[in-house]
């Protein structure tokens, strides 16, 4: 139950008046029409969305990512998924990823449509680590005779579709990616939201409670 309590405490702290938690919400728009075309041309390939959150060496449970409002266009989230560290939910509804461990991540299959849009909310506190916590997004493909293969990227350092250190100001770098260079997926676009476009504080009480239940279910399943 320890990980469940850490995640709950972080989520609850983010709604308290005067909290030191930094909250930065974004609308993410991702043109995946080339991926849809590739799926039609190569029907044996399965496609996955992946996210990783890394602790920078400070306190655990100091960062929380909330991904919601997924819109795949004509595509959809599919059941196959896996993860490690602190996570609850999935890309079919709402996904929570917290730095309960040093490395935390989640991977889920989806059927590509013309877009992969969602809302991203990054919540983090200064935790005294040598480096900021950091996250990244990636796309993966799986051929029938192989394991997951991360898409190639124009990211010169990490090979991701998008990455950022959780620091204020938060700067997200995004890159084109591809599994087959005949189908290059443009970099995702990030637009910062204002307060009127994110859930009301009362909603986070329900979310924190939900995290507690979900994390407890992971512990005892």
N, C-alpha and C. Protein backbone atom coordinates (compact mmCIF):
# COMPACT_ATOMS: atom_id res chain seq x y z
N UNK A 1 0.82 -1.21 0.00
CA UNK A 1 0.00 0.00 0.00
C UNK A 1 0.86 1.26 0.00
N UNK A 2 2.18 1.09 0.18
CA UNK A 2 3.06 2.26 0.29
C UNK A 2 3.00 3.13 -0.95
N UNK A 3 3.09 2.52 -2.15
CA UNK A 3 3.05 3.30 -3.37
C UNK A 3 1.72 4.01 -3.54
N UNK A 4 0.62 3.35 -3.13
CA UNK A 4 -0.70 3.97 -3.22
C UNK A 4 -0.75 5.22 -2.36
N UNK A 5 -0.21 5.17 -1.16
CA UNK A 5 -0.23 6.33 -0.27
C UNK A 5 0.62 7.46 -0.81
N UNK A 6 1.78 7.15 -1.37
CA UNK A 6 2.63 8.20 -1.93
C UNK A 6 1.92 8.93 -3.05
N UNK A 7 1.30 8.17 -3.96
CA UNK A 7 0.59 8.78 -5.08
C UNK A 7 -0.59 9.61 -4.60
N UNK A 8 -1.32 9.11 -3.62
CA UNK A 8 -2.46 9.84 -3.08
C UNK A 8 -2.02 11.14 -2.43
N UNK A 9 -0.94 11.11 -1.66
CA UNK A 9 -0.44 12.31 -0.99
C UNK A 9 -0.04 13.37 -2.01
N UNK A 10 0.62 12.96 -3.09
CA UNK A 10 1.02 13.91 -4.12
C UNK A 10 -0.19 14.56 -4.77
N UNK A 11 -1.17 13.74 -5.14
CA UNK A 11 -2.36 14.28 -5.80
C UNK A 11 -3.12 15.22 -4.87
N UNK A 12 -3.22 14.85 -3.60
CA UNK A 12 -3.94 15.69 -2.64
C UNK A 12 -3.20 17.01 -2.41
N UNK A 13 -1.87 16.95 -2.34
CA UNK A 13 -1.08 18.17 -2.09
C UNK A 13 -1.28 19.18 -3.20
N UNK A 14 -1.52 18.69 -4.41
CA UNK A 14 -1.66 19.59 -5.55
C UNK A 14 -2.92 20.44 -5.48
N UNK A 15 -3.89 20.13 -4.62
CA UNK A 15 -5.12 20.91 -4.57
C UNK A 15 -5.19 21.80 -3.34
N UNK A 16 -4.19 21.73 -2.48
CA UNK A 16 -4.25 22.53 -1.27
C UNK A 16 -3.87 23.98 -1.55
N UNK A 17 -4.59 24.95 -1.00
CA UNK A 17 -4.21 26.36 -1.17
C UNK A 17 -2.81 26.61 -0.63
N UNK A 18 -2.02 27.35 -1.37
CA UNK A 18 -0.68 27.67 -0.92
C UNK A 18 0.32 26.55 -1.11
N UNK A 19 -0.12 25.45 -1.75
CA UNK A 19 0.79 24.34 -1.99
C UNK A 19 1.96 24.79 -2.85
N UNK A 20 3.14 24.16 -2.62
CA UNK A 20 4.32 24.48 -3.41
C UNK A 20 4.34 23.70 -4.72
N UNK A 21 3.29 22.97 -5.00
CA UNK A 21 3.22 22.19 -6.23
C UNK A 21 3.06 23.11 -7.45
N UNK A 22 3.87 22.87 -8.47
CA UNK A 22 3.73 23.56 -9.75
C UNK A 22 2.77 22.75 -10.62
N UNK A 23 1.79 23.40 -11.21
CA UNK A 23 0.80 22.73 -12.05
C UNK A 23 0.83 23.38 -13.43
N UNK A 24 1.14 22.58 -14.46
CA UNK A 24 1.23 23.12 -15.82
C UNK A 24 0.42 22.22 -16.75
N UNK A 25 -0.71 22.73 -17.27
CA UNK A 25 -1.56 21.93 -18.17
C UNK A 25 -1.32 22.27 -19.65
N UNK A 26 -1.38 21.24 -20.49
CA UNK A 26 -1.21 21.42 -21.92
C UNK A 26 -2.29 20.67 -22.68
N UNK A 27 -2.66 21.20 -23.83
CA UNK A 27 -3.40 20.44 -24.83
C UNK A 27 -2.38 19.94 -25.84
N UNK A 28 -2.40 18.63 -26.08
CA UNK A 28 -1.44 18.01 -27.01
C UNK A 28 -2.20 17.60 -28.27
N UNK A 29 -1.74 18.06 -29.42
CA UNK A 29 -2.32 17.66 -30.70
C UNK A 29 -1.23 16.95 -31.51
N UNK A 30 -1.57 15.79 -32.02
CA UNK A 30 -0.57 14.96 -32.70
C UNK A 30 -1.18 14.43 -33.99
N UNK A 31 -0.63 14.82 -35.10
CA UNK A 31 -1.10 14.36 -36.41
C UNK A 31 -0.54 12.96 -36.67
N UNK A 32 -1.40 11.97 -36.57
CA UNK A 32 -0.95 10.58 -36.79
C UNK A 32 -1.51 10.02 -38.10
N UNK A 33 -1.92 10.90 -39.02
CA UNK A 33 -2.41 10.42 -40.32
C UNK A 33 -1.38 9.55 -41.04
N UNK A 34 -0.06 9.89 -41.00
CA UNK A 34 0.91 8.99 -41.63
C UNK A 34 0.94 7.61 -40.98
N UNK A 35 0.70 7.56 -39.68
CA UNK A 35 0.68 6.28 -38.97
C UNK A 35 -0.54 5.46 -39.40
N UNK A 36 -1.68 6.14 -39.59
CA UNK A 36 -2.87 5.45 -40.08
C UNK A 36 -2.60 4.87 -41.47
N UNK A 37 -1.92 5.63 -42.32
CA UNK A 37 -1.59 5.14 -43.67
C UNK A 37 -0.66 3.93 -43.58
N UNK A 38 0.31 3.97 -42.67
CA UNK A 38 1.21 2.84 -42.51
C UNK A 38 0.47 1.61 -42.02
N UNK A 39 -0.47 1.81 -41.09
CA UNK A 39 -1.24 0.68 -40.57
C UNK A 39 -2.05 0.02 -41.69
N UNK A 40 -2.55 0.81 -42.62
CA UNK A 40 -3.30 0.25 -43.74
C UNK A 40 -2.37 -0.49 -44.71
N UNK A 41 -1.15 0.03 -44.90
CA UNK A 41 -0.20 -0.58 -45.82
C UNK A 41 0.50 -1.79 -45.20
N UNK A 42 0.65 -1.80 -43.87
CA UNK A 42 1.35 -2.87 -43.16
C UNK A 42 0.45 -3.38 -42.03
N UNK A 43 -0.59 -4.14 -42.36
CA UNK A 43 -1.59 -4.53 -41.35
C UNK A 43 -1.05 -5.45 -40.26
N UNK A 44 0.11 -6.05 -40.45
CA UNK A 44 0.66 -6.94 -39.42
C UNK A 44 1.38 -6.19 -38.31
N UNK A 45 1.62 -4.89 -38.48
CA UNK A 45 2.33 -4.10 -37.48
C UNK A 45 1.34 -3.60 -36.43
N UNK A 46 1.71 -3.73 -35.15
CA UNK A 46 0.89 -3.20 -34.06
C UNK A 46 1.59 -1.95 -33.52
N UNK A 47 0.81 -0.93 -33.17
CA UNK A 47 1.37 0.36 -32.76
C UNK A 47 1.05 0.65 -31.30
N UNK A 48 2.03 1.27 -30.61
CA UNK A 48 1.91 1.53 -29.17
C UNK A 48 2.30 2.97 -28.86
N UNK A 49 1.62 3.52 -27.87
CA UNK A 49 2.00 4.80 -27.27
C UNK A 49 2.71 4.51 -25.96
N UNK A 50 3.87 5.16 -25.75
CA UNK A 50 4.63 4.94 -24.52
C UNK A 50 4.98 6.24 -23.84
N UNK A 51 5.00 6.23 -22.52
CA UNK A 51 5.42 7.38 -21.72
C UNK A 51 6.33 6.90 -20.61
N UNK A 52 7.37 7.68 -20.31
CA UNK A 52 8.29 7.35 -19.23
C UNK A 52 8.51 8.57 -18.35
N UNK A 53 8.52 8.37 -17.04
CA UNK A 53 8.79 9.42 -16.06
C UNK A 53 9.95 8.96 -15.20
N UNK A 54 10.99 9.77 -15.13
CA UNK A 54 12.21 9.40 -14.41
C UNK A 54 12.43 10.35 -13.24
N UNK A 55 12.74 9.78 -12.08
CA UNK A 55 13.06 10.58 -10.91
C UNK A 55 14.48 11.10 -11.04
N UNK A 56 14.69 12.37 -10.70
CA UNK A 56 16.01 12.99 -10.87
C UNK A 56 16.97 12.78 -9.72
N UNK A 57 16.61 11.94 -8.76
CA UNK A 57 17.50 11.66 -7.64
C UNK A 57 17.03 12.24 -6.33
N UNK A 58 15.90 12.96 -6.34
CA UNK A 58 15.36 13.52 -5.10
C UNK A 58 14.29 12.62 -4.51
N UNK A 59 13.35 13.21 -3.81
CA UNK A 59 12.29 12.45 -3.15
C UNK A 59 11.41 11.75 -4.19
N UNK A 60 10.98 10.53 -3.86
CA UNK A 60 10.01 9.84 -4.69
C UNK A 60 8.64 10.47 -4.50
N UNK A 61 7.74 10.20 -5.46
CA UNK A 61 6.38 10.76 -5.44
C UNK A 61 6.38 12.28 -5.39
N UNK A 62 7.30 12.89 -6.14
CA UNK A 62 7.36 14.35 -6.22
C UNK A 62 6.81 14.87 -7.54
N UNK A 63 6.45 13.96 -8.45
CA UNK A 63 5.93 14.36 -9.76
C UNK A 63 4.76 13.47 -10.16
N UNK A 64 3.78 14.06 -10.80
CA UNK A 64 2.60 13.33 -11.27
C UNK A 64 2.21 13.86 -12.64
N UNK A 65 2.02 12.97 -13.60
CA UNK A 65 1.52 13.31 -14.93
C UNK A 65 0.11 12.75 -15.06
N UNK A 66 -0.81 13.58 -15.53
CA UNK A 66 -2.19 13.16 -15.74
C UNK A 66 -2.51 13.37 -17.21
N UNK A 67 -2.82 12.29 -17.92
CA UNK A 67 -3.16 12.35 -19.34
C UNK A 67 -4.63 11.96 -19.47
N UNK A 68 -5.41 12.81 -20.13
CA UNK A 68 -6.86 12.59 -20.20
C UNK A 68 -7.40 13.13 -21.52
N UNK A 69 -8.71 12.98 -21.72
CA UNK A 69 -9.40 13.52 -22.90
C UNK A 69 -8.77 13.02 -24.20
N UNK A 70 -8.47 11.73 -24.26
CA UNK A 70 -7.85 11.17 -25.46
C UNK A 70 -8.83 11.17 -26.63
N UNK A 71 -8.32 11.55 -27.79
CA UNK A 71 -9.10 11.58 -29.02
C UNK A 71 -8.23 11.01 -30.13
N UNK A 72 -8.61 9.81 -30.62
CA UNK A 72 -7.83 9.13 -31.66
C UNK A 72 -8.42 9.35 -33.05
N UNK A 73 -9.43 10.21 -33.17
CA UNK A 73 -10.09 10.37 -34.46
C UNK A 73 -10.82 9.09 -34.80
N UNK A 74 -10.49 8.48 -35.94
CA UNK A 74 -11.10 7.22 -36.33
C UNK A 74 -10.42 6.02 -35.70
N UNK A 75 -9.38 6.25 -34.89
CA UNK A 75 -8.69 5.16 -34.20
C UNK A 75 -9.26 4.92 -32.81
N UNK A 76 -8.55 4.12 -32.01
CA UNK A 76 -9.02 3.81 -30.66
C UNK A 76 -7.90 3.17 -29.85
N UNK A 77 -8.04 3.24 -28.53
CA UNK A 77 -7.15 2.51 -27.64
C UNK A 77 -7.50 1.03 -27.70
N UNK A 78 -6.49 0.16 -27.61
CA UNK A 78 -6.67 -1.28 -27.64
C UNK A 78 -6.25 -1.88 -26.30
N UNK A 79 -6.67 -3.11 -26.00
CA UNK A 79 -6.48 -3.64 -24.64
C UNK A 79 -5.05 -3.93 -24.21
N UNK A 80 -4.15 -4.26 -25.15
CA UNK A 80 -2.81 -4.70 -24.75
C UNK A 80 -2.02 -3.55 -24.12
N UNK A 81 -1.58 -3.72 -22.88
CA UNK A 81 -0.85 -2.66 -22.19
C UNK A 81 0.06 -3.27 -21.13
N UNK A 82 1.08 -2.52 -20.77
CA UNK A 82 2.00 -2.94 -19.73
C UNK A 82 2.62 -1.70 -19.10
N UNK A 83 3.22 -1.84 -17.92
CA UNK A 83 3.84 -0.69 -17.27
C UNK A 83 4.72 -1.13 -16.13
N UNK A 84 5.41 -0.17 -15.55
CA UNK A 84 6.29 -0.43 -14.41
C UNK A 84 6.37 0.83 -13.56
N UNK A 85 6.65 0.65 -12.28
CA UNK A 85 6.71 1.81 -11.38
C UNK A 85 5.32 2.30 -11.04
N UNK A 86 5.16 3.63 -10.95
CA UNK A 86 3.91 4.23 -10.51
C UNK A 86 3.00 4.61 -11.66
N UNK A 87 1.92 3.88 -11.85
CA UNK A 87 0.94 4.24 -12.88
C UNK A 87 -0.41 3.66 -12.51
N UNK A 88 -1.47 4.29 -13.01
CA UNK A 88 -2.83 3.79 -12.90
C UNK A 88 -3.61 4.26 -14.11
N UNK A 89 -4.63 3.50 -14.49
CA UNK A 89 -5.46 3.87 -15.62
C UNK A 89 -4.86 3.48 -16.95
N UNK A 90 -5.37 4.08 -18.03
CA UNK A 90 -4.86 3.78 -19.36
C UNK A 90 -5.29 4.88 -20.33
N UNK A 91 -4.88 4.73 -21.59
CA UNK A 91 -5.15 5.78 -22.58
C UNK A 91 -6.56 5.65 -23.17
N UNK A 92 -7.33 4.68 -22.68
CA UNK A 92 -8.72 4.60 -23.07
C UNK A 92 -9.59 5.55 -22.27
N UNK A 93 -9.06 6.07 -21.16
CA UNK A 93 -9.80 7.01 -20.32
C UNK A 93 -8.84 8.06 -19.78
N UNK A 94 -8.28 7.81 -18.59
CA UNK A 94 -7.30 8.72 -17.99
C UNK A 94 -6.12 7.91 -17.48
N UNK A 95 -4.93 8.41 -17.73
CA UNK A 95 -3.70 7.74 -17.32
C UNK A 95 -2.97 8.61 -16.32
N UNK A 96 -2.56 8.02 -15.18
CA UNK A 96 -1.76 8.70 -14.16
C UNK A 96 -0.40 8.03 -14.09
N UNK A 97 0.67 8.81 -14.15
CA UNK A 97 2.02 8.28 -13.99
C UNK A 97 2.74 9.12 -12.94
N UNK A 98 3.21 8.47 -11.87
CA UNK A 98 3.90 9.16 -10.78
C UNK A 98 5.27 8.53 -10.57
N UNK A 99 6.20 9.32 -10.03
CA UNK A 99 7.56 8.79 -9.83
C UNK A 99 7.64 8.02 -8.50
N UNK A 100 6.89 6.92 -8.42
CA UNK A 100 6.95 6.05 -7.25
C UNK A 100 8.28 5.30 -7.18
N UNK A 101 8.93 5.14 -8.35
CA UNK A 101 10.23 4.49 -8.44
C UNK A 101 11.16 5.41 -9.24
N UNK A 102 12.41 4.98 -9.39
CA UNK A 102 13.34 5.80 -10.19
C UNK A 102 12.87 5.85 -11.65
N UNK A 103 12.55 4.68 -12.23
CA UNK A 103 12.00 4.61 -13.58
C UNK A 103 10.53 4.21 -13.50
N UNK A 104 9.68 4.93 -14.23
CA UNK A 104 8.25 4.64 -14.25
C UNK A 104 7.79 4.77 -15.70
N UNK A 105 6.99 3.85 -16.14
CA UNK A 105 6.57 3.93 -17.54
C UNK A 105 5.33 3.14 -17.84
N UNK A 106 4.78 3.39 -19.01
CA UNK A 106 3.54 2.77 -19.42
C UNK A 106 3.52 2.67 -20.95
N UNK A 107 2.98 1.56 -21.45
CA UNK A 107 2.93 1.30 -22.89
C UNK A 107 1.59 0.67 -23.20
N UNK A 108 0.88 1.19 -24.22
CA UNK A 108 -0.42 0.62 -24.59
C UNK A 108 -0.61 0.68 -26.09
N UNK A 109 -1.19 -0.40 -26.61
CA UNK A 109 -1.48 -0.49 -28.04
C UNK A 109 -2.66 0.41 -28.40
N UNK A 110 -2.61 0.96 -29.60
CA UNK A 110 -3.75 1.71 -30.12
C UNK A 110 -3.85 1.49 -31.62
N UNK A 111 -5.06 1.65 -32.13
CA UNK A 111 -5.29 1.62 -33.56
C UNK A 111 -5.17 3.04 -34.07
N UNK A 112 -4.22 3.33 -34.95
CA UNK A 112 -4.01 4.72 -35.36
C UNK A 112 -5.20 5.29 -36.14
N UNK A 113 -5.57 6.50 -35.78
CA UNK A 113 -6.49 7.30 -36.58
C UNK A 113 -5.70 8.45 -37.15
N UNK A 114 -6.40 9.49 -37.55
CA UNK A 114 -5.70 10.64 -38.13
C UNK A 114 -5.09 11.56 -37.08
N UNK A 115 -5.39 11.31 -35.80
CA UNK A 115 -4.83 12.14 -34.74
C UNK A 115 -4.72 11.34 -33.45
N UNK A 116 -3.87 11.85 -32.55
CA UNK A 116 -3.78 11.33 -31.19
C UNK A 116 -3.66 12.56 -30.30
N UNK A 117 -4.81 13.08 -29.88
CA UNK A 117 -4.85 14.29 -29.07
C UNK A 117 -5.21 13.94 -27.63
N UNK A 118 -4.70 14.71 -26.69
CA UNK A 118 -5.03 14.49 -25.29
C UNK A 118 -4.64 15.72 -24.48
N UNK A 119 -5.11 15.75 -23.25
CA UNK A 119 -4.70 16.80 -22.31
C UNK A 119 -3.65 16.25 -21.38
N UNK A 120 -2.57 16.98 -21.21
CA UNK A 120 -1.47 16.61 -20.32
C UNK A 120 -1.40 17.62 -19.18
N UNK A 121 -1.39 17.13 -17.96
CA UNK A 121 -1.17 18.02 -16.82
C UNK A 121 0.04 17.51 -16.04
N UNK A 122 1.04 18.35 -15.91
CA UNK A 122 2.25 18.02 -15.15
C UNK A 122 2.18 18.70 -13.78
N UNK A 123 2.28 17.92 -12.70
CA UNK A 123 2.25 18.44 -11.33
C UNK A 123 3.53 17.98 -10.64
N UNK A 124 4.29 18.93 -10.12
CA UNK A 124 5.56 18.54 -9.51
C UNK A 124 5.97 19.54 -8.44
N UNK A 125 6.82 19.09 -7.52
CA UNK A 125 7.37 19.94 -6.47
C UNK A 125 8.89 19.86 -6.53
N UNK A 126 9.56 20.85 -5.99
CA UNK A 126 11.01 20.81 -5.89
C UNK A 126 11.38 19.79 -4.83
N UNK A 127 12.16 18.77 -5.22
CA UNK A 127 12.41 17.64 -4.31
C UNK A 127 13.87 17.50 -3.89
N UNK A 128 14.71 18.47 -4.23
CA UNK A 128 16.11 18.43 -3.79
C UNK A 128 17.00 17.48 -4.56
N UNK A 129 16.52 16.98 -5.70
CA UNK A 129 17.34 16.07 -6.50
C UNK A 129 18.45 16.78 -7.23
N UNK A 130 19.48 16.00 -7.61
CA UNK A 130 20.60 16.57 -8.36
C UNK A 130 20.15 17.05 -9.74
N UNK A 131 19.10 16.41 -10.27
CA UNK A 131 18.56 16.78 -11.57
C UNK A 131 17.04 16.85 -11.46
N UNK A 132 16.38 17.59 -12.33
CA UNK A 132 14.91 17.60 -12.31
C UNK A 132 14.37 16.23 -12.72
N UNK A 133 13.18 15.89 -12.23
CA UNK A 133 12.48 14.76 -12.80
C UNK A 133 12.23 15.07 -14.28
N UNK A 134 12.03 14.03 -15.09
CA UNK A 134 11.88 14.25 -16.53
C UNK A 134 10.92 13.22 -17.11
N UNK A 135 10.25 13.60 -18.19
CA UNK A 135 9.37 12.66 -18.86
C UNK A 135 9.60 12.69 -20.36
N UNK A 136 9.15 11.64 -21.03
CA UNK A 136 9.18 11.62 -22.49
C UNK A 136 8.05 10.77 -23.03
N UNK A 137 7.64 11.05 -24.27
CA UNK A 137 6.68 10.26 -25.02
C UNK A 137 7.43 9.59 -26.17
N UNK A 138 6.98 8.40 -26.54
CA UNK A 138 7.53 7.71 -27.70
C UNK A 138 6.44 6.89 -28.36
N UNK A 139 6.64 6.58 -29.63
CA UNK A 139 5.81 5.62 -30.35
C UNK A 139 6.61 4.35 -30.56
N UNK A 140 5.91 3.22 -30.58
CA UNK A 140 6.56 1.92 -30.77
C UNK A 140 5.78 1.11 -31.80
N UNK A 141 6.48 0.23 -32.49
CA UNK A 141 5.84 -0.72 -33.39
C UNK A 141 6.24 -2.13 -33.00
N UNK A 142 5.36 -3.08 -33.27
CA UNK A 142 5.66 -4.49 -32.98
C UNK A 142 5.30 -5.31 -34.21
N UNK A 143 6.31 -5.94 -34.81
CA UNK A 143 6.07 -6.84 -35.92
C UNK A 143 5.76 -8.23 -35.38
N UNK A 144 5.09 -9.07 -36.16
CA UNK A 144 4.70 -10.39 -35.65
C UNK A 144 5.85 -11.23 -35.13
N UNK A 145 7.03 -11.07 -35.69
CA UNK A 145 8.17 -11.91 -35.30
C UNK A 145 9.15 -11.19 -34.38
N UNK A 146 8.74 -10.08 -33.75
CA UNK A 146 9.69 -9.34 -32.92
C UNK A 146 9.05 -8.67 -31.73
N UNK A 147 9.88 -8.04 -30.90
CA UNK A 147 9.41 -7.30 -29.74
C UNK A 147 9.08 -5.87 -30.14
N UNK A 148 8.73 -5.05 -29.12
CA UNK A 148 8.48 -3.63 -29.36
C UNK A 148 9.72 -2.97 -29.93
N UNK A 149 9.54 -2.15 -30.95
CA UNK A 149 10.63 -1.37 -31.53
C UNK A 149 10.28 0.11 -31.41
N UNK A 150 11.13 0.87 -30.71
CA UNK A 150 10.88 2.30 -30.59
C UNK A 150 11.08 2.97 -31.93
N UNK A 151 10.16 3.88 -32.27
CA UNK A 151 10.30 4.64 -33.51
C UNK A 151 11.61 5.41 -33.49
N UNK A 152 12.21 5.56 -34.66
CA UNK A 152 13.36 6.45 -34.78
C UNK A 152 12.86 7.88 -34.69
N UNK A 153 13.78 8.78 -34.34
CA UNK A 153 13.38 10.15 -34.06
C UNK A 153 14.49 11.11 -34.48
N UNK A 154 14.10 12.35 -34.70
CA UNK A 154 15.08 13.39 -34.97
C UNK A 154 15.60 14.02 -33.67
N UNK A 155 15.22 13.44 -32.53
CA UNK A 155 15.78 13.84 -31.24
C UNK A 155 17.23 13.38 -31.20
N UNK A 156 18.21 14.29 -31.10
CA UNK A 156 19.62 13.89 -31.17
C UNK A 156 20.11 13.17 -29.91
N UNK A 157 19.34 13.21 -28.83
CA UNK A 157 19.82 12.65 -27.57
C UNK A 157 19.08 11.40 -27.13
N UNK A 158 17.76 11.41 -27.21
CA UNK A 158 17.00 10.32 -26.58
C UNK A 158 16.13 9.53 -27.55
N UNK A 159 15.98 9.95 -28.79
CA UNK A 159 15.16 9.22 -29.73
C UNK A 159 13.69 9.21 -29.40
N UNK A 160 13.17 10.30 -28.84
CA UNK A 160 11.78 10.35 -28.40
C UNK A 160 10.95 11.26 -29.32
N UNK A 161 9.62 11.20 -29.15
CA UNK A 161 8.75 12.12 -29.87
C UNK A 161 8.64 13.45 -29.14
N UNK A 162 8.75 13.43 -27.80
CA UNK A 162 8.71 14.65 -26.99
C UNK A 162 9.37 14.35 -25.66
N UNK A 163 10.02 15.37 -25.07
CA UNK A 163 10.66 15.18 -23.76
C UNK A 163 10.76 16.53 -23.07
N UNK A 164 10.83 16.47 -21.74
CA UNK A 164 10.95 17.71 -20.95
C UNK A 164 11.45 17.38 -19.56
N UNK A 165 12.24 18.31 -19.00
CA UNK A 165 12.54 18.29 -17.57
C UNK A 165 11.39 18.96 -16.83
N UNK A 166 11.01 18.41 -15.68
CA UNK A 166 9.93 19.00 -14.89
C UNK A 166 10.51 20.13 -14.04
N UNK A 167 10.61 21.28 -14.66
CA UNK A 167 11.14 22.48 -14.01
C UNK A 167 10.27 23.65 -14.46
N UNK A 168 10.29 24.71 -13.68
CA UNK A 168 9.50 25.89 -14.00
C UNK A 168 10.43 27.03 -14.40
N UNK A 169 10.39 27.54 -15.63
CA UNK A 169 9.44 27.20 -16.68
C UNK A 169 9.72 25.84 -17.31
N UNK A 170 8.65 25.18 -17.75
CA UNK A 170 8.75 23.86 -18.36
C UNK A 170 8.87 24.03 -19.87
N UNK A 171 9.93 23.48 -20.43
CA UNK A 171 10.16 23.57 -21.87
C UNK A 171 10.09 22.18 -22.47
N UNK A 172 9.15 21.96 -23.39
CA UNK A 172 8.98 20.65 -24.02
C UNK A 172 9.58 20.71 -25.42
N UNK A 173 10.45 19.77 -25.71
CA UNK A 173 11.02 19.62 -27.05
C UNK A 173 10.31 18.46 -27.73
N UNK A 174 9.92 18.64 -28.99
CA UNK A 174 9.19 17.62 -29.72
C UNK A 174 9.85 17.38 -31.08
N UNK A 175 9.70 16.14 -31.59
CA UNK A 175 10.45 15.73 -32.78
C UNK A 175 9.60 14.83 -33.68
N UNK A 176 9.87 14.90 -34.99
CA UNK A 176 9.27 13.95 -35.92
C UNK A 176 9.81 12.55 -35.62
N UNK A 177 8.98 11.53 -35.85
CA UNK A 177 9.40 10.15 -35.60
C UNK A 177 8.93 9.26 -36.75
N UNK A 178 9.53 8.07 -36.84
CA UNK A 178 9.11 7.13 -37.89
C UNK A 178 9.62 5.73 -37.58
N UNK A 179 8.82 4.75 -37.97
CA UNK A 179 9.24 3.35 -37.97
C UNK A 179 9.71 2.96 -39.35
N UNK A 180 9.05 3.52 -40.34
CA UNK A 180 9.39 3.36 -41.75
C UNK A 180 9.45 4.77 -42.32
N UNK A 181 10.57 5.15 -42.91
CA UNK A 181 10.73 6.56 -43.31
C UNK A 181 9.83 6.98 -44.48
N UNK A 182 9.00 6.05 -44.94
CA UNK A 182 7.96 6.44 -45.90
C UNK A 182 6.75 7.03 -45.20
N UNK A 183 6.71 6.89 -43.86
CA UNK A 183 5.57 7.35 -43.07
C UNK A 183 6.09 8.12 -41.85
N UNK A 184 6.51 9.36 -42.07
CA UNK A 184 7.07 10.17 -40.98
C UNK A 184 5.94 10.86 -40.22
N UNK A 185 5.90 10.64 -38.92
CA UNK A 185 4.86 11.22 -38.06
C UNK A 185 5.36 12.57 -37.56
N UNK A 186 4.65 13.66 -37.83
CA UNK A 186 5.11 14.98 -37.37
C UNK A 186 5.19 15.07 -35.85
N UNK A 187 6.00 15.96 -35.37
CA UNK A 187 6.15 16.17 -33.93
C UNK A 187 4.83 16.59 -33.31
N UNK A 188 4.51 16.10 -32.12
CA UNK A 188 3.30 16.57 -31.43
C UNK A 188 3.42 18.05 -31.08
N UNK A 189 2.29 18.73 -31.03
CA UNK A 189 2.24 20.15 -30.71
C UNK A 189 1.65 20.32 -29.30
N UNK A 190 2.21 21.28 -28.53
CA UNK A 190 1.80 21.51 -27.15
C UNK A 190 1.31 22.95 -27.00
N UNK A 191 0.10 23.10 -26.49
CA UNK A 191 -0.46 24.43 -26.21
C UNK A 191 -0.80 24.52 -24.73
N UNK A 192 -0.22 25.50 -24.03
CA UNK A 192 -0.50 25.65 -22.62
C UNK A 192 -1.93 26.12 -22.42
N UNK A 193 -2.63 25.50 -21.48
CA UNK A 193 -4.01 25.84 -21.19
C UNK A 193 -4.09 26.86 -20.06
N UNK A 194 -5.19 27.61 -20.02
CA UNK A 194 -5.41 28.49 -18.89
C UNK A 194 -6.32 27.81 -17.88
N UNK A 195 -6.55 28.46 -16.75
CA UNK A 195 -7.25 27.83 -15.63
C UNK A 195 -8.67 27.42 -15.99
N UNK A 196 -9.30 28.12 -16.93
CA UNK A 196 -10.69 27.81 -17.27
C UNK A 196 -10.81 26.52 -18.07
N UNK A 197 -9.69 25.98 -18.54
CA UNK A 197 -9.73 24.80 -19.39
C UNK A 197 -9.31 23.52 -18.68
N UNK A 198 -9.10 23.58 -17.35
CA UNK A 198 -8.70 22.39 -16.59
C UNK A 198 -9.75 22.10 -15.53
N UNK A 199 -9.76 20.87 -14.95
CA UNK A 199 -10.79 20.52 -13.97
C UNK A 199 -10.79 21.44 -12.77
N UNK A 200 -11.98 21.63 -12.19
CA UNK A 200 -12.12 22.44 -10.98
C UNK A 200 -11.44 21.73 -9.80
N UNK A 201 -10.96 22.49 -8.78
CA UNK A 201 -10.27 21.86 -7.65
C UNK A 201 -11.06 20.74 -7.00
N UNK A 202 -12.38 20.87 -6.90
CA UNK A 202 -13.15 19.81 -6.28
C UNK A 202 -13.00 18.49 -6.99
N UNK A 203 -12.77 18.55 -8.30
CA UNK A 203 -12.58 17.32 -9.06
C UNK A 203 -11.36 16.55 -8.66
N UNK A 204 -10.33 17.27 -8.18
CA UNK A 204 -9.09 16.57 -7.81
C UNK A 204 -9.26 15.76 -6.54
N UNK A 205 -10.24 16.10 -5.69
CA UNK A 205 -10.50 15.27 -4.52
C UNK A 205 -10.96 13.89 -4.98
N UNK A 206 -11.85 13.88 -6.00
CA UNK A 206 -12.32 12.61 -6.53
C UNK A 206 -11.18 11.87 -7.22
N UNK A 207 -10.35 12.60 -7.96
CA UNK A 207 -9.23 11.97 -8.64
C UNK A 207 -8.27 11.34 -7.64
N UNK A 208 -7.94 12.07 -6.57
CA UNK A 208 -7.04 11.52 -5.55
C UNK A 208 -7.63 10.26 -4.95
N UNK A 209 -8.93 10.26 -4.67
CA UNK A 209 -9.57 9.06 -4.14
C UNK A 209 -9.49 7.92 -5.14
N UNK A 210 -9.70 8.25 -6.41
CA UNK A 210 -9.62 7.23 -7.44
C UNK A 210 -8.23 6.64 -7.55
N UNK A 211 -7.21 7.48 -7.44
CA UNK A 211 -5.84 6.98 -7.47
C UNK A 211 -5.59 6.01 -6.33
N UNK A 212 -6.10 6.32 -5.17
CA UNK A 212 -5.93 5.47 -4.01
C UNK A 212 -6.51 4.08 -4.28
N UNK A 213 -7.72 4.06 -4.82
CA UNK A 213 -8.38 2.79 -5.10
C UNK A 213 -7.63 2.02 -6.17
N UNK A 214 -7.26 2.72 -7.28
CA UNK A 214 -6.58 2.05 -8.38
C UNK A 214 -5.23 1.51 -7.95
N UNK A 215 -4.47 2.30 -7.21
CA UNK A 215 -3.15 1.85 -6.77
C UNK A 215 -3.29 0.69 -5.80
N UNK A 216 -4.29 0.73 -4.94
CA UNK A 216 -4.52 -0.38 -4.03
C UNK A 216 -4.89 -1.65 -4.79
N UNK A 217 -5.68 -1.50 -5.88
CA UNK A 217 -6.03 -2.64 -6.70
C UNK A 217 -4.79 -3.25 -7.33
N UNK A 218 -3.85 -2.39 -7.83
CA UNK A 218 -2.61 -2.90 -8.40
C UNK A 218 -1.83 -3.67 -7.35
N UNK A 219 -1.84 -3.21 -6.11
CA UNK A 219 -1.04 -3.87 -5.06
C UNK A 219 -1.58 -5.25 -4.72
N UNK A 220 -2.89 -5.42 -4.75
CA UNK A 220 -3.47 -6.66 -4.26
C UNK A 220 -4.02 -7.58 -5.33
N UNK A 221 -3.93 -7.16 -6.62
CA UNK A 221 -4.52 -8.03 -7.65
C UNK A 221 -3.70 -9.31 -7.79
